[in-house]
PDB file of N, CA and C in Angstrom:
ATOM      1  N   UNK A   1     -53.304  -5.141  71.629  1.00  0.00           N
ATOM      2  CA  UNK A   1     -53.346  -4.005  72.446  1.00  0.00           C
ATOM      3  C   UNK A   1     -54.260  -4.740  73.358  1.00  0.00           C
ATOM      4  N   UNK A   2     -54.265  -5.863  74.104  1.00  0.00           N
ATOM      5  CA  UNK A   2     -55.480  -6.270  74.457  1.00  0.00           C
ATOM      6  C   UNK A   2     -55.005  -5.801  76.053  1.00  0.00           C
ATOM      7  N   UNK A   3     -53.346  -5.671  76.568  1.00  0.00           N
ATOM      8  CA  UNK A   3     -53.037  -4.795  77.917  1.00  0.00           C
ATOM      9  C   UNK A   3     -53.994  -3.290  77.876  1.00  0.00           C
ATOM     10  N   UNK A   4     -54.443  -2.955  77.239  1.00  0.00           N
ATOM     11  CA  UNK A   4     -55.766  -1.729  77.055  1.00  0.00           C
ATOM     12  C   UNK A   4     -56.649  -1.920  77.710  1.00  0.00           C
ATOM     13  N   UNK A   5     -57.416  -0.901  78.232  1.00  0.00           N
ATOM     14  CA  UNK A   5     -58.809  -1.019  78.492  1.00  0.00           C
ATOM     15  C   UNK A   5     -59.539  -0.202  77.646  1.00  0.00           C
ATOM     16  N   UNK A   6     -60.823  -0.209  77.300  1.00  0.00           N
ATOM     17  CA  UNK A   6     -61.535   0.438  76.368  1.00  0.00           C
ATOM     18  C   UNK A   6     -61.597   2.102  76.785  1.00  0.00           C
ATOM     19  N   UNK A   7     -61.811   3.085  75.930  1.00  0.00           N
ATOM     20  CA  UNK A   7     -61.478   4.268  76.285  1.00  0.00           C
ATOM     21  C   UNK A   7     -62.991   4.775  76.930  1.00  0.00           C
ATOM     22  N   UNK A   8     -62.761   5.730  78.175  1.00  0.00           N
ATOM     23  CA  UNK A   8     -63.745   6.070  78.837  1.00  0.00           C
ATOM     24  C   UNK A   8     -65.165   6.685  78.348  1.00  0.00           C
ATOM     25  N   UNK A   9     -66.156   6.504  78.844  1.00  0.00           N
ATOM     26  CA  UNK A   9     -67.269   6.970  77.779  1.00  0.00           C
ATOM     27  C   UNK A   9     -67.264   9.042  78.043  1.00  0.00           C
ATOM     28  N   UNK A  10     -66.776   9.238  78.989  1.00  0.00           N
ATOM     29  CA  UNK A  10     -66.452  10.884  79.190  1.00  0.00           C
ATOM     30  C   UNK A  10     -65.960  11.531  78.642  1.00  0.00           C
ATOM     31  N   UNK A  11     -64.762  10.794  77.936  1.00  0.00           N
ATOM     32  CA  UNK A  11     -63.560  11.396  76.894  1.00  0.00           C
ATOM     33  C   UNK A  11     -64.279  10.973  75.487  1.00  0.00           C
ATOM     34  N   UNK A  12     -64.943   9.805  75.570  1.00  0.00           N
ATOM     35  CA  UNK A  12     -65.846   9.782  74.027  1.00  0.00           C
ATOM     36  C   UNK A  12     -66.584  10.860  73.945  1.00  0.00           C
ATOM     37  N   UNK A  13     -67.206  11.770  75.156  1.00  0.00           N
ATOM     38  CA  UNK A  13     -67.918  12.298  75.087  1.00  0.00           C
ATOM     39  C   UNK A  13     -67.708  14.026  74.953  1.00  0.00           C
ATOM     40  N   UNK A  14     -65.899  14.208  75.152  1.00  0.00           N
ATOM     41  CA  UNK A  14     -65.826  15.493  75.141  1.00  0.00           C
ATOM     42  C   UNK A  14     -65.364  15.707  73.683  1.00  0.00           C
ATOM     43  N   UNK A  15     -64.672  14.170  73.125  1.00  0.00           N
ATOM     44  CA  UNK A  15     -64.495  14.283  71.703  1.00  0.00           C
ATOM     45  C   UNK A  15     -65.592  14.843  70.672  1.00  0.00           C
ATOM     46  N   UNK A  16     -66.704  14.042  71.002  1.00  0.00           N
ATOM     47  CA  UNK A  16     -68.110  14.524  70.255  1.00  0.00           C
ATOM     48  C   UNK A  16     -68.467  15.555  69.997  1.00  0.00           C
ATOM     49  N   UNK A  17     -68.516  16.370  71.906  1.00  0.00           N
ATOM     50  CA  UNK A  17     -68.626  18.140  72.081  1.00  0.00           C
ATOM     51  C   UNK A  17     -67.843  18.595  71.542  1.00  0.00           C
ATOM     52  N   UNK A  18     -66.143  18.648  71.565  1.00  0.00           N
ATOM     53  CA  UNK A  18     -65.426  18.997  70.818  1.00  0.00           C
ATOM     54  C   UNK A  18     -65.875  19.728  68.816  1.00  0.00           C
ATOM     55  N   UNK A  19     -66.330  17.625  68.887  1.00  0.00           N
ATOM     56  CA  UNK A  19     -66.005  17.703  67.163  1.00  0.00           C
ATOM     57  C   UNK A  19     -67.472  18.773  66.928  1.00  0.00           C
ATOM     58  N   UNK A  20     -68.240  18.542  66.849  1.00  0.00           N
ATOM     59  CA  UNK A  20     -69.413  19.222  67.038  1.00  0.00           C
ATOM     60  C   UNK A  20     -69.181  21.363  66.945  1.00  0.00           C
ATOM     61  N   UNK A  21     -67.973  21.575  68.226  1.00  0.00           N
ATOM     62  CA  UNK A  21     -67.842  23.086  68.210  1.00  0.00           C
ATOM     63  C   UNK A  21     -66.747  23.540  66.634  1.00  0.00           C
ATOM     64  N   UNK A  22     -65.971  22.294  66.110  1.00  0.00           N
ATOM     65  CA  UNK A  22     -65.381  22.415  65.213  1.00  0.00           C
ATOM     66  C   UNK A  22     -65.800  22.759  63.975  1.00  0.00           C
ATOM     67  N   UNK A  23     -67.472  22.104  63.979  1.00  0.00           N
ATOM     68  CA  UNK A  23     -68.138  21.911  62.475  1.00  0.00           C
ATOM     69  C   UNK A  23     -68.039  20.968  62.417  1.00  0.00           C
ATOM     70  N   UNK A  24     -67.586  19.615  62.454  1.00  0.00           N
ATOM     71  CA  UNK A  24     -68.464  18.735  62.192  1.00  0.00           C
ATOM     72  C   UNK A  24     -70.498  18.589  62.247  1.00  0.00           C
ATOM     73  N   UNK A  25     -70.868  18.512  61.396  1.00  0.00           N
ATOM     74  CA  UNK A  25     -72.174  18.545  61.238  1.00  0.00           C
ATOM     75  C   UNK A  25     -72.935  16.704  61.960  1.00  0.00           C
ATOM     76  N   UNK A  26     -72.178  15.560  61.632  1.00  0.00           N
ATOM     77  CA  UNK A  26     -73.244  14.633  62.318  1.00  0.00           C
ATOM     78  C   UNK A  26     -72.024  13.381  62.935  1.00  0.00           C
ATOM     79  N   UNK A  27     -71.375  13.911  63.817  1.00  0.00           N
ATOM     80  CA  UNK A  27     -70.704  13.434  64.812  1.00  0.00           C
ATOM     81  C   UNK A  27     -71.796  12.016  65.149  1.00  0.00           C
ATOM     82  N   UNK A  28     -70.930  10.948  65.335  1.00  0.00           N
ATOM     83  CA  UNK A  28     -71.662  10.037  66.591  1.00  0.00           C
ATOM     84  C   UNK A  28     -70.682   9.192  67.006  1.00  0.00           C
ATOM     85  N   UNK A  29     -71.440   8.637  68.280  1.00  0.00           N
ATOM     86  CA  UNK A  29     -70.325   7.540  68.971  1.00  0.00           C
ATOM     87  C   UNK A  29     -70.849   6.184  68.396  1.00  0.00           C
ATOM     88  N   UNK A  30     -69.346   5.338  67.937  1.00  0.00           N
ATOM     89  CA  UNK A  30     -70.036   4.226  67.940  1.00  0.00           C
ATOM     90  C   UNK A  30     -69.569   3.268  69.429  1.00  0.00           C
ATOM     91  N   UNK A  31     -69.802   1.636  69.019  1.00  0.00           N
ATOM     92  CA  UNK A  31     -69.630   0.912  69.823  1.00  0.00           C
ATOM     93  C   UNK A  31     -69.958   1.542  71.290  1.00  0.00           C
ATOM     94  N   UNK A  32     -70.886   2.453  71.599  1.00  0.00           N
ATOM     95  CA  UNK A  32     -71.219   2.917  73.051  1.00  0.00           C
ATOM     96  C   UNK A  32     -72.712   2.828  73.121  1.00  0.00           C
ATOM     97  N   UNK A  33     -72.361   1.457  73.196  1.00  0.00           N
ATOM     98  CA  UNK A  33     -74.540   0.857  73.642  1.00  0.00           C
ATOM     99  C   UNK A  33     -75.236   2.180  74.500  1.00  0.00           C
ATOM    100  N   UNK A  34     -76.704   2.025  73.305  1.00  0.00           N
ATOM    101  CA  UNK A  34     -77.441   3.099  74.236  1.00  0.00           C
ATOM    102  C   UNK A  34     -77.428   4.266  75.039  1.00  0.00           C
ATOM    103  N   UNK A  35     -76.823   5.123  74.142  1.00  0.00           N
ATOM    104  CA  UNK A  35     -76.265   6.115  74.125  1.00  0.00           C
ATOM    105  C   UNK A  35     -76.806   7.504  73.544  1.00  0.00           C
ATOM    106  N   UNK A  36     -77.322   8.294  74.135  1.00  0.00           N
ATOM    107  CA  UNK A  36     -77.815   9.131  73.271  1.00  0.00           C
ATOM    108  C   UNK A  36     -77.048  10.228  72.088  1.00  0.00           C
ATOM    109  N   UNK A  37     -75.622  10.506  72.050  1.00  0.00           N
ATOM    110  CA  UNK A  37     -74.701  10.324  71.152  1.00  0.00           C
ATOM    111  C   UNK A  37     -74.515   9.085  70.174  1.00  0.00           C
ATOM    112  N   UNK A  38     -74.884   8.126  70.218  1.00  0.00           N
ATOM    113  CA  UNK A  38     -75.008   6.768  69.119  1.00  0.00           C
ATOM    114  C   UNK A  38     -75.803   7.146  68.290  1.00  0.00           C
ATOM    115  N   UNK A  39     -77.009   8.283  68.092  1.00  0.00           N
ATOM    116  CA  UNK A  39     -77.463   8.637  67.240  1.00  0.00           C
ATOM    117  C   UNK A  39     -76.905   9.577  66.374  1.00  0.00           C
ATOM    118  N   UNK A  40     -77.594   9.897  64.554  1.00  0.00           N
ATOM    119  CA  UNK A  40     -77.154  11.059  64.137  1.00  0.00           C
ATOM    120  C   UNK A  40     -78.447  12.065  63.809  1.00  0.00           C
ATOM    121  N   UNK A  41     -77.947  13.536  64.259  1.00  0.00           N
ATOM    122  CA  UNK A  41     -79.111  14.666  64.317  1.00  0.00           C
ATOM    123  C   UNK A  41     -79.053  15.614  63.871  1.00  0.00           C
ATOM    124  N   UNK A  42     -80.280  16.406  63.021  1.00  0.00           N
ATOM    125  CA  UNK A  42     -80.335  17.065  62.292  1.00  0.00           C
ATOM    126  C   UNK A  42     -79.095  18.600  62.609  1.00  0.00           C
ATOM    127  N   UNK A  43     -78.331  18.817  61.670  1.00  0.00           N
ATOM    128  CA  UNK A  43     -77.676  20.154  62.981  1.00  0.00           C
ATOM    129  C   UNK A  43     -78.481  21.111  62.661  1.00  0.00           C
ATOM    130  N   UNK A  44     -79.551  21.710  62.172  1.00  0.00           N
ATOM    131  CA  UNK A  44     -80.246  22.773  62.275  1.00  0.00           C
ATOM    132  C   UNK A  44     -81.679  22.610  63.780  1.00  0.00           C
ATOM    133  N   UNK A  45     -81.987  21.533  63.250  1.00  0.00           N
ATOM    134  CA  UNK A  45     -83.258  21.205  64.624  1.00  0.00           C
ATOM    135  C   UNK A  45     -83.503  20.158  65.400  1.00  0.00           C
ATOM    136  N   UNK A  46     -82.025  20.011  65.632  1.00  0.00           N
ATOM    137  CA  UNK A  46     -81.812  18.321  66.240  1.00  0.00           C
ATOM    138  C   UNK A  46     -83.081  17.170  66.258  1.00  0.00           C
ATOM    139  N   UNK A  47     -83.507  16.933  64.782  1.00  0.00           N
ATOM    140  CA  UNK A  47     -84.443  15.637  64.911  1.00  0.00           C
ATOM    141  C   UNK A  47     -83.626  14.655  64.857  1.00  0.00           C
ATOM    142  N   UNK A  48     -83.719  13.611  65.509  1.00  0.00           N
ATOM    143  CA  UNK A  48     -83.015  11.960  65.305  1.00  0.00           C
ATOM    144  C   UNK A  48     -82.980  11.605  63.532  1.00  0.00           C
ATOM    145  N   UNK A  49     -81.867  11.598  63.287  1.00  0.00           N
ATOM    146  CA  UNK A  49     -81.998  11.422  61.325  1.00  0.00           C
ATOM    147  C   UNK A  49     -81.836   9.934  61.039  1.00  0.00           C
ATOM    148  N   UNK A  50     -80.492   9.322  62.174  1.00  0.00           N
ATOM    149  CA  UNK A  50     -80.434   8.419  62.285  1.00  0.00           C
ATOM    150  C   UNK A  50     -80.449   7.512  63.284  1.00  0.00           C
ATOM    151  N   UNK A  51     -81.150   6.790  63.485  1.00  0.00           N
ATOM    152  CA  UNK A  51     -80.946   5.981  65.035  1.00  0.00           C
ATOM    153  C   UNK A  51     -80.492   4.877  65.067  1.00  0.00           C
ATOM    154  N   UNK A  52     -79.638   4.596  66.511  1.00  0.00           N
ATOM    155  CA  UNK A  52     -78.742   3.415  65.961  1.00  0.00           C
ATOM    156  C   UNK A  52     -78.873   2.951  67.650  1.00  0.00           C
ATOM    157  N   UNK A  53     -78.684   1.401  67.551  1.00  0.00           N
ATOM    158  CA  UNK A  53     -78.793   0.751  68.858  1.00  0.00           C
ATOM    159  C   UNK A  53     -77.719  -0.460  68.687  1.00  0.00           C
ATOM    160  N   UNK A  54     -77.009  -0.530  69.215  1.00  0.00           N
ATOM    161  CA  UNK A  54     -76.102  -2.016  68.597  1.00  0.00           C
ATOM    162  C   UNK A  54     -75.587  -1.843  67.495  1.00  0.00           C
ATOM    163  N   UNK A  55     -76.060  -3.160  66.781  1.00  0.00           N
ATOM    164  CA  UNK A  55     -75.143  -3.210  65.196  1.00  0.00           C
ATOM    165  C   UNK A  55     -76.625  -3.068  64.656  1.00  0.00           C
ATOM    166  N   UNK A  56     -77.299  -1.958  64.897  1.00  0.00           N
ATOM    167  CA  UNK A  56     -79.186  -1.608  64.435  1.00  0.00           C
ATOM    168  C   UNK A  56     -78.713  -0.582  64.127  1.00  0.00           C
ATOM    169  N   UNK A  57     -79.454  -0.371  62.890  1.00  0.00           N
ATOM    170  CA  UNK A  57     -79.681   1.275  62.562  1.00  0.00           C
ATOM    171  C   UNK A  57     -81.311   1.750  62.076  1.00  0.00           C
ATOM    172  N   UNK A  58     -81.542   2.722  61.727  1.00  0.00           N
ATOM    173  CA  UNK A  58     -83.112   2.959  61.248  1.00  0.00           C
ATOM    174  C   UNK A  58     -83.558   4.518  60.930  1.00  0.00           C
ATOM    175  N   UNK A  59     -83.286   4.850  59.419  1.00  0.00           N
ATOM    176  CA  UNK A  59     -83.801   5.809  58.947  1.00  0.00           C
ATOM    177  C   UNK A  59     -85.136   6.755  59.884  1.00  0.00           C
ATOM    178  N   UNK A  60     -84.980   7.881  60.668  1.00  0.00           N
ATOM    179  CA  UNK A  60     -86.266   8.219  61.486  1.00  0.00           C
ATOM    180  C   UNK A  60     -86.785   9.351  61.001  1.00  0.00           C
ATOM    181  N   UNK A  61     -85.790  10.358  60.740  1.00  0.00           N
ATOM    182  CA  UNK A  61     -86.700  11.797  60.232  1.00  0.00           C
ATOM    183  C   UNK A  61     -86.091  12.455  58.709  1.00  0.00           C
ATOM    184  N   UNK A  62     -85.827  11.283  58.136  1.00  0.00           N
ATOM    185  CA  UNK A  62     -85.429  11.748  57.039  1.00  0.00           C
ATOM    186  C   UNK A  62     -86.513  11.750  55.729  1.00  0.00           C
ATOM    187  N   UNK A  63     -86.366  12.460  55.424  1.00  0.00           N
ATOM    188  CA  UNK A  63     -87.392  12.382  53.801  1.00  0.00           C
ATOM    189  C   UNK A  63     -86.643  12.845  52.489  1.00  0.00           C
ATOM    190  N   UNK A  64     -86.000  11.615  52.402  1.00  0.00           N
ATOM    191  CA  UNK A  64     -84.965  11.910  51.114  1.00  0.00           C
ATOM    192  C   UNK A  64     -83.895  11.927  51.541  1.00  0.00           C
ATOM    193  N   UNK A  65     -83.169  13.027  50.696  1.00  0.00           N
ATOM    194  CA  UNK A  65     -82.144  13.772  51.560  1.00  0.00           C
ATOM    195  C   UNK A  65     -82.123  15.269  51.952  1.00  0.00           C
ATOM    196  N   UNK A  66     -83.126  14.978  53.069  1.00  0.00           N
ATOM    197  CA  UNK A  66     -83.261  16.569  53.756  1.00  0.00           C
ATOM    198  C   UNK A  66     -84.220  16.137  55.309  1.00  0.00           C
ATOM    199  N   UNK A  67     -84.185  16.551  56.581  1.00  0.00           N
ATOM    200  CA  UNK A  67     -84.527  16.666  57.960  1.00  0.00           C
ATOM    201  C   UNK A  67     -86.104  16.596  57.236  1.00  0.00           C
ATOM    202  N   UNK A  68     -86.823  15.848  57.822  1.00  0.00           N
ATOM    203  CA  UNK A  68     -88.439  15.295  57.785  1.00  0.00           C
ATOM    204  C   UNK A  68     -88.746  16.718  58.650  1.00  0.00           C
ATOM    205  N   UNK A  69     -88.080  17.418  59.981  1.00  0.00           N
ATOM    206  CA  UNK A  69     -89.047  18.064  60.381  1.00  0.00           C
ATOM    207  C   UNK A  69     -88.839  19.698  59.880  1.00  0.00           C
ATOM    208  N   UNK A  70     -87.527  19.813  59.325  1.00  0.00           N
ATOM    209  CA  UNK A  70     -87.438  20.940  59.271  1.00  0.00           C
ATOM    210  C   UNK A  70     -86.748  21.335  57.855  1.00  0.00           C
ATOM    211  N   UNK A  71     -86.518  20.283  56.883  1.00  0.00           N
ATOM    212  CA  UNK A  71     -86.204  20.642  55.692  1.00  0.00           C
ATOM    213  C   UNK A  71     -84.777  21.003  55.283  1.00  0.00           C
ATOM    214  N   UNK A  72     -83.780  20.881  56.449  1.00  0.00           N
ATOM    215  CA  UNK A  72     -82.295  21.578  56.248  1.00  0.00           C
ATOM    216  C   UNK A  72     -82.277  19.732  54.993  1.00  0.00           C
ATOM    217  N   UNK A  73     -80.700  20.385  54.379  1.00  0.00           N
ATOM    218  CA  UNK A  73     -80.353  19.441  53.432  1.00  0.00           C
ATOM    219  C   UNK A  73     -79.319  18.875  54.080  1.00  0.00           C
ATOM    220  N   UNK A  74     -79.371  17.414  54.035  1.00  0.00           N
ATOM    221  CA  UNK A  74     -78.492  16.381  54.491  1.00  0.00           C
ATOM    222  C   UNK A  74     -77.717  15.834  53.545  1.00  0.00           C
ATOM    223  N   UNK A  75     -76.908  15.585  53.441  1.00  0.00           N
ATOM    224  CA  UNK A  75     -75.868  14.994  52.709  1.00  0.00           C
ATOM    225  C   UNK A  75     -75.833  13.123  53.255  1.00  0.00           C
ATOM    226  N   UNK A  76     -76.927  12.712  52.600  1.00  0.00           N
ATOM    227  CA  UNK A  76     -76.705  11.394  52.696  1.00  0.00           C
ATOM    228  C   UNK A  76     -77.003  10.416  51.497  1.00  0.00           C
ATOM    229  N   UNK A  77     -76.298   9.504  50.823  1.00  0.00           N
ATOM    230  CA  UNK A  77     -76.924   8.466  49.964  1.00  0.00           C
ATOM    231  C   UNK A  77     -77.529   6.979  51.052  1.00  0.00           C
ATOM    232  N   UNK A  78     -78.729   7.460  50.434  1.00  0.00           N
ATOM    233  CA  UNK A  78     -79.347   6.347  51.709  1.00  0.00           C
ATOM    234  C   UNK A  78     -79.646   4.746  50.846  1.00  0.00           C
ATOM    235  N   UNK A  79     -79.609   4.657  49.072  1.00  0.00           N
ATOM    236  CA  UNK A  79     -79.191   3.348  48.334  1.00  0.00           C
ATOM    237  C   UNK A  79     -78.321   3.915  47.200  1.00  0.00           C
ATOM    238  N   UNK A  80     -77.825   2.757  46.490  1.00  0.00           N
ATOM    239  CA  UNK A  80     -77.247   2.795  45.560  1.00  0.00           C
ATOM    240  C   UNK A  80     -77.797   1.922  43.965  1.00  0.00           C
ATOM    241  N   UNK A  81     -77.906   2.616  42.847  1.00  0.00           N
ATOM    242  CA  UNK A  81     -78.722   2.030  42.229  1.00  0.00           C
ATOM    243  C   UNK A  81     -80.112   2.416  41.606  1.00  0.00           C
TER     244      UNK A  81
END
C-alpha cells in the first residue's frame, strides 16, 4: 500500500480520545514522534508511567506494579524470571 499516505495525527488523536472514553486504561500512539499521547499515563492521577520517544522507552512513575504517585494498581509485567 505504498500509494497511501500515513494516517493523519488528528485522526489518531481522535481514536486515542475515543479509546479513553470507551474505558481503555492505557492507550498510546505509536510511530508519532514526540507527541504527548506517545506515553502511557496512570488512569487515576495522570502521572507518566512509561515515557516513549521514537524506539526508546523508560519507566517513570512506576513502583513495581503500582503508580509511584498515587498507588493505583497497574497491570504490568516489567520482567520475566
